[in-house]
């Protein structure tokens, strides 16, 4: 493991700084939107702009990398991400912010594609699992640290935006100074949505809904917390617990999903998620707008945070659970192509998540956040129960659950040792 990090320290260091800035900036924009009284639906549109840009970039940037190379694309899009956050500080306007969020999403998917392509080039078939583990650890740690940076200064000030821009710019330095030549870019095909649905109706439907869920959690979670009059520290703690729980719970859920019918684990996770959504509402006494404990942490607040943490633990591993379930029905050589197709489905759902969640909150108040999440989880569970009656369980020994960060691209999925990586890399 140390040798892997030593050979790729510049890439990992640059990415760690960048993912920390990313974890900070999305939540900062959400909190500032509440302070500016943009309204729930307007804020939902702003936050959806990121996922639209992410989706568009995922389909355009691979061609750009092929034409101009990794280093130029990384430098251009890291700089663009740095610029996009400064736009928020200079022009406090919902339309401008929506466009800036689109630019951020478009830029960051470009950075992820470059980083994961580079990691693939440096990995061998013997150390792919180690490379993926380091990448996952850095991703979740960076996102978690980024949420805590909300305490750096008041969101209504310009300094937090400047800090994010500086971090994006600093992330360029170690990668641009690396001596090793950039890798050749390998495009990855994908299985079409219609074909994926035929292969696994449940996996495809669940992945669409997971996009609706995850984008609401990470694209609207800070808005929800700010609407409850949480302090900045409480908002950062709330987001930190959600992020960490999503990482830790992947391991036990993955273990049991490999041992049993994966559908049962998927259905169990989604129904438990819906239950803990309701618990989170009940912990507040049903009057979330009155949950304000600025100076002391009372029992209601502690129970609320516990329920939210457990909810995130069951809900966030569903992305990887869906991926593993679909892989149960295909041959090993198509795992990466299936992952690419499922990423498209996830992206379609993610574009609508913050907007739909904002409509629920605008109609029902802050309670609408968890009501929305619970409804989507129940839909997955009900469809899963229906599909169990239509298909017998099939065990595919090649398909296993590998913990993955939520922002991973198909190039990152290829780091999974079970994806039948090109054997030509084995002698590097």
Protein backbone atom coordinates (compact mmCIF):
# COMPACT_ATOMS: atom_id res chain seq x y z
CA UNK A 1 0.00 0.00 0.00
CA UNK A 2 2.82 2.41 0.86
CA UNK A 3 4.49 1.70 -2.48
CA UNK A 4 1.27 2.53 -4.32
CA UNK A 5 0.99 5.87 -2.53
CA UNK A 6 4.68 6.64 -3.00
CA UNK A 7 4.46 6.13 -6.77
CA UNK A 8 1.31 8.23 -7.10
CA UNK A 9 1.64 10.72 -4.24
CA UNK A 10 1.29 13.78 -6.49
CA UNK A 11 -1.95 12.52 -7.98
CA UNK A 12 -3.41 11.52 -4.61
CA UNK A 13 -2.32 14.79 -2.95
CA UNK A 14 -3.83 16.96 -5.67
CA UNK A 15 -7.05 14.98 -5.64
CA UNK A 16 -7.28 15.09 -1.83
CA UNK A 17 -7.09 18.90 -1.86
CA UNK A 18 -9.61 19.11 -4.68
CA UNK A 19 -12.16 16.75 -3.12
CA UNK A 20 -11.92 18.66 0.16
CA UNK A 21 -12.75 21.88 -1.68
CA UNK A 22 -15.64 20.09 -3.37
CA UNK A 23 -17.02 18.87 -0.04
CA UNK A 24 -16.88 22.45 1.23
CA UNK A 25 -18.27 24.36 -1.74
CA UNK A 26 -21.55 22.51 -2.34
CA UNK A 27 -22.63 22.84 1.27
CA UNK A 28 -21.49 26.45 1.47
CA UNK A 29 -23.66 27.38 -1.52
CA UNK A 30 -26.65 25.62 0.04
CA UNK A 31 -26.33 27.43 3.37
CA UNK A 32 -25.76 30.79 1.68
CA UNK A 33 -28.88 30.23 -0.46
CA UNK A 34 -30.96 29.91 2.70
CA UNK A 35 -29.37 33.05 4.17
CA UNK A 36 -30.18 34.94 0.95
CA UNK A 37 -33.83 33.75 1.17
CA UNK A 38 -33.81 32.32 -2.34
CA UNK A 39 -36.65 29.96 -1.42
CA UNK A 40 -36.79 26.17 -1.47
CA UNK A 41 -37.65 25.66 -5.13
CA UNK A 42 -35.19 28.26 -6.39
CA UNK A 43 -32.45 26.69 -4.28
CA UNK A 44 -33.42 23.25 -5.60
CA UNK A 45 -32.96 24.48 -9.16
CA UNK A 46 -29.60 26.00 -8.27
CA UNK A 47 -28.34 22.76 -6.74
CA UNK A 48 -29.65 20.68 -9.65
CA UNK A 49 -27.46 22.77 -11.93
CA UNK A 50 -24.44 20.87 -10.59
CA UNK A 51 -25.85 17.48 -11.51
CA UNK A 52 -26.90 18.68 -14.97
CA UNK A 53 -23.34 19.89 -15.58
CA UNK A 54 -21.97 16.62 -14.22
CA UNK A 55 -24.20 14.61 -16.55
CA UNK A 56 -23.38 16.70 -19.63
CA UNK A 57 -19.66 16.63 -18.86
CA UNK A 58 -19.64 12.85 -18.42
CA UNK A 59 -20.77 12.49 -22.03
CA UNK A 60 -18.58 15.21 -23.58
CA UNK A 61 -15.27 15.25 -21.73
CA UNK A 62 -13.94 11.79 -22.69
CA UNK A 63 -13.74 12.97 -26.30
CA UNK A 64 -11.92 16.11 -25.16
CA UNK A 65 -9.37 14.08 -23.19
CA UNK A 66 -8.69 11.97 -26.27
CA UNK A 67 -7.97 15.09 -28.33
CA UNK A 68 -5.91 17.33 -26.02
CA UNK A 69 -4.61 15.01 -23.28
CA UNK A 70 -4.96 14.53 -19.53
CA UNK A 71 -2.81 17.36 -18.21
CA UNK A 72 -4.43 20.09 -20.30
CA UNK A 73 -7.92 18.89 -19.43
CA UNK A 74 -7.11 18.66 -15.72
CA UNK A 75 -5.54 22.12 -15.64
CA UNK A 76 -8.40 23.67 -17.61
CA UNK A 77 -11.21 22.18 -15.56
CA UNK A 78 -9.59 22.63 -12.15
CA UNK A 79 -9.12 26.30 -13.09
CA UNK A 80 -12.73 26.45 -14.26
CA UNK A 81 -13.91 25.00 -10.94
CA UNK A 82 -11.86 27.65 -9.15
CA UNK A 83 -13.50 30.34 -11.26
CA UNK A 84 -17.03 29.01 -10.82
CA UNK A 85 -16.95 29.32 -7.02
CA UNK A 86 -15.74 32.93 -7.26
CA UNK A 87 -18.75 33.72 -9.44
CA UNK A 88 -20.95 32.87 -6.44
CA UNK A 89 -19.11 35.43 -4.30
CA UNK A 90 -19.29 38.24 -6.86
CA UNK A 91 -22.80 37.78 -8.28
CA UNK A 92 -25.37 36.79 -5.65
CA UNK A 93 -28.17 35.96 -8.05
CA UNK A 94 -30.12 32.67 -8.47
CA UNK A 95 -29.76 32.55 -12.27
CA UNK A 96 -26.03 33.25 -12.15
CA UNK A 97 -25.59 30.70 -9.36
CA UNK A 98 -27.44 28.03 -11.36
CA UNK A 99 -25.10 28.60 -14.29
CA UNK A 100 -22.11 28.57 -11.95
CA UNK A 101 -23.25 25.27 -10.43
CA UNK A 102 -23.55 23.83 -13.92
CA UNK A 103 -20.00 24.97 -14.60
CA UNK A 104 -18.82 23.37 -11.35
CA UNK A 105 -20.41 20.02 -12.16
CA UNK A 106 -19.07 20.09 -15.72
CA UNK A 107 -15.57 20.91 -14.43
CA UNK A 108 -15.41 18.35 -11.64
CA UNK A 109 -16.50 15.40 -13.77
CA UNK A 110 -13.61 16.33 -16.07
CA UNK A 111 -11.21 16.22 -13.13
CA UNK A 112 -12.58 12.86 -11.92
CA UNK A 113 -12.24 11.34 -15.39
CA UNK A 114 -8.61 12.45 -15.62
CA UNK A 115 -7.68 11.29 -12.11
CA UNK A 116 -9.34 7.89 -12.45
CA UNK A 117 -7.89 7.34 -15.91
CA UNK A 118 -4.44 8.14 -14.51
CA UNK A 119 -4.95 5.75 -11.60
CA UNK A 120 -6.01 3.02 -14.00
CA UNK A 121 -2.82 3.52 -15.98
CA UNK A 122 -0.64 3.25 -12.87
CA UNK A 123 -2.46 0.25 -11.42
CA UNK A 124 -1.61 -3.35 -12.19
CA UNK A 125 -3.85 -6.36 -11.84
CA UNK A 126 -2.07 -7.16 -8.58
CA UNK A 127 -2.61 -3.80 -6.88
CA UNK A 128 -5.91 -2.52 -8.30
CA UNK A 129 -7.72 -3.26 -5.05
CA UNK A 130 -5.13 -1.24 -3.10
CA UNK A 131 -5.36 1.70 -5.49
CA UNK A 132 -9.15 1.68 -5.26
CA UNK A 133 -9.00 1.52 -1.44
CA UNK A 134 -6.71 4.55 -1.25
CA UNK A 135 -8.91 6.43 -3.72
CA UNK A 136 -12.04 5.64 -1.72
CA UNK A 137 -10.40 6.61 1.59
CA UNK A 138 -9.19 9.95 0.19
CA UNK A 139 -12.60 10.66 -1.35
CA UNK A 140 -14.64 10.10 1.79
CA UNK A 141 -12.08 11.75 4.06
CA UNK A 142 -11.88 14.80 1.80
CA UNK A 143 -15.66 15.15 1.60
CA UNK A 144 -15.97 14.80 5.38
CA UNK A 145 -13.22 17.36 6.09
CA UNK A 146 -14.82 19.68 3.55
CA UNK A 147 -18.08 19.71 5.52
CA UNK A 148 -16.19 20.74 8.67
CA UNK A 149 -14.66 23.71 6.81
CA UNK A 150 -18.08 25.33 6.99
CA UNK A 151 -16.85 26.57 10.37
CA UNK A 152 -14.01 28.51 8.70
CA UNK A 153 -16.06 31.73 8.53
CA UNK A 154 -19.64 32.96 8.21
CA UNK A 155 -21.25 31.83 4.90
CA UNK A 156 -22.42 35.37 4.13
CA UNK A 157 -18.81 36.55 3.95
CA UNK A 158 -16.63 36.24 0.85
CA UNK A 159 -13.65 34.57 2.57
CA UNK A 160 -15.04 30.99 2.40
CA UNK A 161 -15.46 31.32 -1.37
CA UNK A 162 -11.91 32.59 -1.68
CA UNK A 163 -10.62 29.63 0.35
CA UNK A 164 -12.38 27.16 -1.94
CA UNK A 165 -10.93 28.86 -5.01
CA UNK A 166 -7.45 28.70 -3.45
CA UNK A 167 -7.83 24.99 -2.72
CA UNK A 168 -8.88 24.25 -6.30
CA UNK A 169 -5.87 26.20 -7.55
CA UNK A 170 -3.43 24.53 -5.13
CA UNK A 171 -4.69 21.11 -6.23
CA UNK A 172 -3.19 21.83 -9.66
CA UNK A 173 0.37 22.15 -8.41
CA UNK A 174 1.42 18.57 -7.49
CA UNK A 175 -0.19 17.04 -10.57
CA UNK A 176 1.18 19.56 -13.06
CA UNK A 177 4.69 19.12 -11.62
CA UNK A 178 4.67 15.34 -11.82
CA UNK A 179 7.47 13.88 -13.93
CA UNK A 180 5.62 10.82 -15.15
CA UNK A 181 4.07 11.04 -18.60
CA UNK A 182 0.32 11.24 -18.89
CA UNK A 183 -1.37 7.95 -19.82
CA UNK A 184 -3.11 7.11 -23.05
CA UNK A 185 -6.84 7.59 -22.65
CA UNK A 186 -9.05 4.55 -23.12
CA UNK A 187 -12.72 5.17 -23.83
CA UNK A 188 -15.26 2.95 -22.13
CA UNK A 189 -18.46 1.85 -23.82
CA UNK A 190 -21.74 1.43 -21.98
CA UNK A 191 -24.77 -0.81 -22.02
CA UNK A 192 -27.88 1.08 -23.14
CA UNK A 193 -30.62 1.86 -20.64
CA UNK A 194 -33.21 -0.30 -22.40
CA UNK A 195 -30.86 -3.27 -22.39
CA UNK A 196 -29.97 -2.72 -18.72
CA UNK A 197 -33.66 -2.73 -17.81
CA UNK A 198 -34.10 -6.05 -19.59
CA UNK A 199 -31.07 -7.44 -17.73
CA UNK A 200 -32.26 -6.19 -14.33
CA UNK A 201 -35.49 -4.18 -13.97
CA UNK A 202 -34.99 -3.84 -10.21
CA UNK A 203 -31.35 -2.74 -10.46
CA UNK A 204 -32.17 -0.17 -13.13
CA UNK A 205 -35.20 1.26 -11.33
CA UNK A 206 -33.38 1.30 -8.01
CA UNK A 207 -30.40 3.13 -9.54
CA UNK A 208 -32.70 5.82 -10.97
CA UNK A 209 -34.28 6.28 -7.55
CA UNK A 210 -30.87 6.23 -5.87
CA UNK A 211 -29.93 9.19 -8.04
CA UNK A 212 -33.04 10.98 -6.78
CA UNK A 213 -32.05 10.16 -3.19
CA UNK A 214 -28.32 10.85 -3.19
CA UNK A 215 -28.60 14.17 -5.02
CA UNK A 216 -31.22 15.31 -2.51
CA UNK A 217 -29.04 14.30 0.44
CA UNK A 218 -25.86 15.95 -0.82
CA UNK A 219 -27.44 18.66 -2.95
CA UNK A 220 -30.06 19.74 -0.44
CA UNK A 221 -29.03 18.37 2.97
CA UNK A 222 -27.38 21.61 4.08
CA UNK A 223 -30.46 23.58 2.96
CA UNK A 224 -32.61 21.31 5.11
CA UNK A 225 -30.35 21.74 8.15
CA UNK A 226 -30.12 25.51 7.69
CA UNK A 227 -33.91 25.76 7.41
CA UNK A 228 -34.10 24.24 10.90
CA UNK A 229 -32.03 27.12 12.27
CA UNK A 230 -29.09 24.83 12.99
CA UNK A 231 -25.88 26.60 13.84
CA UNK A 232 -23.03 26.36 11.34
CA UNK A 233 -21.31 23.84 13.60
CA UNK A 234 -24.46 21.72 13.81
CA UNK A 235 -24.88 21.81 10.03
CA UNK A 236 -21.28 20.69 9.53
CA UNK A 237 -21.70 17.93 12.15
CA UNK A 238 -24.90 16.74 10.47
CA UNK A 239 -23.19 16.55 7.06
CA UNK A 240 -20.03 14.98 8.51
CA UNK A 241 -21.99 12.16 10.14
CA UNK A 242 -23.92 11.50 6.93
CA UNK A 243 -20.72 11.26 4.88
CA UNK A 244 -18.84 9.02 7.33
CA UNK A 245 -21.82 6.70 7.88
CA UNK A 246 -22.14 6.23 4.13
CA UNK A 247 -18.54 5.05 3.99
CA UNK A 248 -18.49 2.81 7.07
CA UNK A 249 -21.77 0.98 6.44
CA UNK A 250 -20.66 -0.14 2.99
CA UNK A 251 -18.46 -2.87 4.46
CA UNK A 252 -21.03 -4.82 6.54
CA UNK A 253 -23.78 -4.32 3.95
CA UNK A 254 -21.46 -5.50 1.21
CA UNK A 255 -20.43 -8.55 3.23
CA UNK A 256 -24.01 -9.70 3.82
CA UNK A 257 -25.06 -8.92 0.24
CA UNK A 258 -22.36 -11.30 -1.03
CA UNK A 259 -23.55 -14.02 1.36
CA UNK A 260 -27.32 -13.85 0.68
CA UNK A 261 -29.85 -12.97 -2.01
CA UNK A 262 -28.76 -9.43 -2.87
CA UNK A 263 -32.37 -8.39 -3.48
CA UNK A 264 -33.25 -9.08 0.15
CA UNK A 265 -30.39 -6.84 1.32
CA UNK A 266 -31.40 -4.11 -1.13
CA UNK A 267 -35.05 -4.23 -0.07
CA UNK A 268 -34.08 -4.37 3.59
CA UNK A 269 -31.78 -1.36 3.28
CA UNK A 270 -34.36 0.76 1.48
CA UNK A 271 -37.20 -0.06 3.91
CA UNK A 272 -34.94 0.54 6.92
CA UNK A 273 -33.95 3.85 5.34
CA UNK A 274 -37.63 4.82 5.07
CA UNK A 275 -38.20 3.86 8.71
CA UNK A 276 -35.30 5.98 9.94
CA UNK A 277 -36.57 8.89 7.84
CA UNK A 278 -39.73 8.73 9.93
CA UNK A 279 -37.72 8.38 13.15
CA UNK A 280 -35.80 11.54 12.25
CA UNK A 281 -39.07 13.43 11.92
CA UNK A 282 -40.47 12.03 15.18
CA UNK A 283 -37.24 12.89 17.03
CA UNK A 284 -37.98 16.53 16.31
CA UNK A 285 -41.45 16.29 17.79
CA UNK A 286 -42.93 16.92 14.35
CA UNK A 287 -42.11 20.61 14.52
CA UNK A 288 -38.76 20.78 12.82
CA UNK A 289 -38.76 24.53 12.45
CA UNK A 290 -38.50 24.78 16.25
CA UNK A 291 -35.42 22.54 16.50
CA UNK A 292 -32.95 25.20 17.50
CA UNK A 293 -30.33 24.30 20.09
CA UNK A 294 -27.54 26.75 19.53
CA UNK A 295 -25.79 26.54 22.89
CA UNK A 296 -26.59 23.06 24.16
CA UNK A 297 -27.17 19.68 22.60
CA UNK A 298 -30.38 18.25 24.06
CA UNK A 299 -31.59 14.64 23.92
CA UNK A 300 -33.93 15.35 21.01
CA UNK A 301 -31.03 16.71 18.96
CA UNK A 302 -28.82 13.75 19.87
CA UNK A 303 -31.50 11.24 18.90
CA UNK A 304 -32.11 13.13 15.67
CA UNK A 305 -28.42 12.95 14.73
CA UNK A 306 -28.31 9.24 15.62
CA UNK A 307 -31.31 8.48 13.42
CA UNK A 308 -29.89 10.53 10.53
CA UNK A 309 -26.54 8.75 10.83
CA UNK A 310 -28.17 5.31 10.73
CA UNK A 311 -30.38 6.42 7.84
CA UNK A 312 -27.33 7.52 5.82
CA UNK A 313 -25.61 4.24 6.65
CA UNK A 314 -28.38 2.24 4.99
CA UNK A 315 -29.18 4.67 2.17
CA UNK A 316 -25.79 5.66 0.77
CA UNK A 317 -24.37 2.16 0.04
CA UNK A 318 -27.34 1.55 -2.28
CA UNK A 319 -25.39 2.91 -5.27
CA UNK A 320 -22.81 0.15 -5.01
CA UNK A 321 -25.46 -2.39 -4.03
CA UNK A 322 -27.36 -1.65 -7.25
CA UNK A 323 -24.18 -1.99 -9.26
CA UNK A 324 -23.33 -5.35 -7.70
CA UNK A 325 -26.89 -6.61 -8.19
CA UNK A 326 -26.93 -5.80 -11.91
CA UNK A 327 -23.53 -7.48 -12.26
CA UNK A 328 -25.13 -10.65 -10.89
CA UNK A 329 -26.85 -11.10 -14.26
CA UNK A 330 -24.03 -10.37 -16.71
CA UNK A 331 -20.64 -11.79 -17.56
CA UNK A 332 -17.51 -10.40 -15.94
CA UNK A 333 -16.22 -8.71 -19.11
CA UNK A 334 -19.26 -6.38 -19.19
CA UNK A 335 -19.10 -5.18 -15.57
CA UNK A 336 -17.52 -1.82 -16.47
CA UNK A 337 -19.88 -1.24 -19.41
CA UNK A 338 -22.83 -1.96 -17.13
CA UNK A 339 -21.40 0.47 -14.58
CA UNK A 340 -21.17 3.15 -17.26
CA UNK A 341 -24.79 2.62 -18.23
CA UNK A 342 -25.93 2.68 -14.62
CA UNK A 343 -24.00 5.92 -14.12
CA UNK A 344 -26.14 7.48 -16.87
CA UNK A 345 -29.31 6.27 -15.16
CA UNK A 346 -28.07 7.56 -11.80
CA UNK A 347 -27.28 10.93 -13.42
CA UNK A 348 -30.78 11.24 -14.86
CA UNK A 349 -32.23 10.74 -11.41
CA UNK A 350 -29.69 13.04 -9.77
CA UNK A 351 -30.66 15.96 -12.00
CA UNK A 352 -34.20 15.90 -10.60
CA UNK A 353 -33.50 15.08 -6.96
CA UNK A 354 -32.92 18.58 -5.50
CA UNK A 355 -35.85 20.05 -7.46
CA UNK A 356 -38.33 17.37 -6.39
CA UNK A 357 -37.11 17.56 -2.81
CA UNK A 358 -37.50 21.34 -2.84
CA UNK A 359 -41.11 20.99 -3.99
CA UNK A 360 -41.86 18.73 -1.04
CA UNK A 361 -40.20 21.14 1.39
CA UNK A 362 -41.95 24.12 -0.16
CA UNK A 363 -45.30 22.35 0.30
CA UNK A 364 -44.80 20.55 3.61
CA UNK A 365 -42.06 22.61 5.26
CA UNK A 366 -38.75 21.14 6.45
CA UNK A 367 -40.52 17.82 7.14
CA UNK A 368 -40.80 17.47 3.37
CA UNK A 369 -37.09 16.60 3.12
CA UNK A 370 -37.40 13.27 4.90
CA UNK A 371 -40.92 12.64 3.62
CA UNK A 372 -39.58 12.89 0.06
CA UNK A 373 -36.70 10.52 0.84
CA UNK A 374 -39.00 8.04 2.57
CA UNK A 375 -41.41 7.95 -0.39
CA UNK A 376 -38.63 7.21 -2.89
CA UNK A 377 -37.21 4.49 -0.62
CA UNK A 378 -40.65 2.88 -0.28
CA UNK A 379 -41.05 2.87 -4.07
CA UNK A 380 -37.78 0.95 -4.41
CA UNK A 381 -38.85 -1.52 -1.74
CA UNK A 382 -42.29 -2.16 -3.23
CA UNK A 383 -40.87 -2.66 -6.72
CA UNK A 384 -38.25 -4.99 -5.26
CA UNK A 385 -40.92 -7.12 -3.57
CA UNK A 386 -42.77 -7.32 -6.87
CA UNK A 387 -39.65 -8.38 -8.77
CA UNK A 388 -38.89 -11.17 -6.28
CA UNK A 389 -42.11 -12.86 -7.43
CA UNK A 390 -40.98 -12.65 -11.08
CA UNK A 391 -37.46 -14.02 -10.95
CA UNK A 392 -35.50 -16.67 -9.10
CA UNK A 393 -32.27 -15.70 -7.36
CA UNK A 394 -29.15 -16.46 -9.40
CA UNK A 395 -25.70 -16.60 -7.84
CA UNK A 396 -22.87 -15.15 -9.93
CA UNK A 397 -19.51 -15.91 -8.24
CA UNK A 398 -17.78 -13.23 -10.34
CA UNK A 399 -20.04 -10.49 -8.97
CA UNK A 400 -19.08 -9.10 -5.57
CA UNK A 401 -19.82 -5.93 -3.64
CA UNK A 402 -16.83 -3.55 -3.71
CA UNK A 403 -17.18 -0.34 -1.63
CA UNK A 404 -17.11 2.68 -3.95
CA UNK A 405 -17.41 6.47 -3.48
CA UNK A 406 -20.60 7.99 -4.89
CA UNK A 407 -18.80 10.28 -7.34
CA UNK A 408 -16.86 7.49 -9.05
CA UNK A 409 -16.88 7.30 -12.86
CA UNK A 410 -16.72 4.13 -14.99
CA UNK A 411 -12.95 4.59 -15.18
CA UNK A 412 -12.84 4.33 -11.41
CA UNK A 413 -15.11 1.29 -11.42
CA UNK A 414 -12.51 -0.38 -13.62
CA UNK A 415 -10.11 -0.29 -10.65
CA UNK A 416 -12.23 -2.98 -9.02
CA UNK A 417 -10.21 -6.22 -9.35
CA UNK A 418 -13.40 -8.11 -10.28
CA UNK A 419 -13.91 -6.15 -13.50
CA UNK A 420 -11.54 -8.22 -15.62
CA UNK A 421 -8.94 -5.49 -16.16
CA UNK A 422 -6.67 -5.69 -19.17
CA UNK A 423 -3.99 -8.29 -18.44
CA UNK A 424 -1.48 -6.24 -20.41
CA UNK A 425 -1.08 -4.06 -17.34
CA UNK A 426 0.17 -6.90 -15.20
CA UNK A 427 3.84 -6.45 -16.09
CA UNK A 428 4.09 -2.74 -15.32
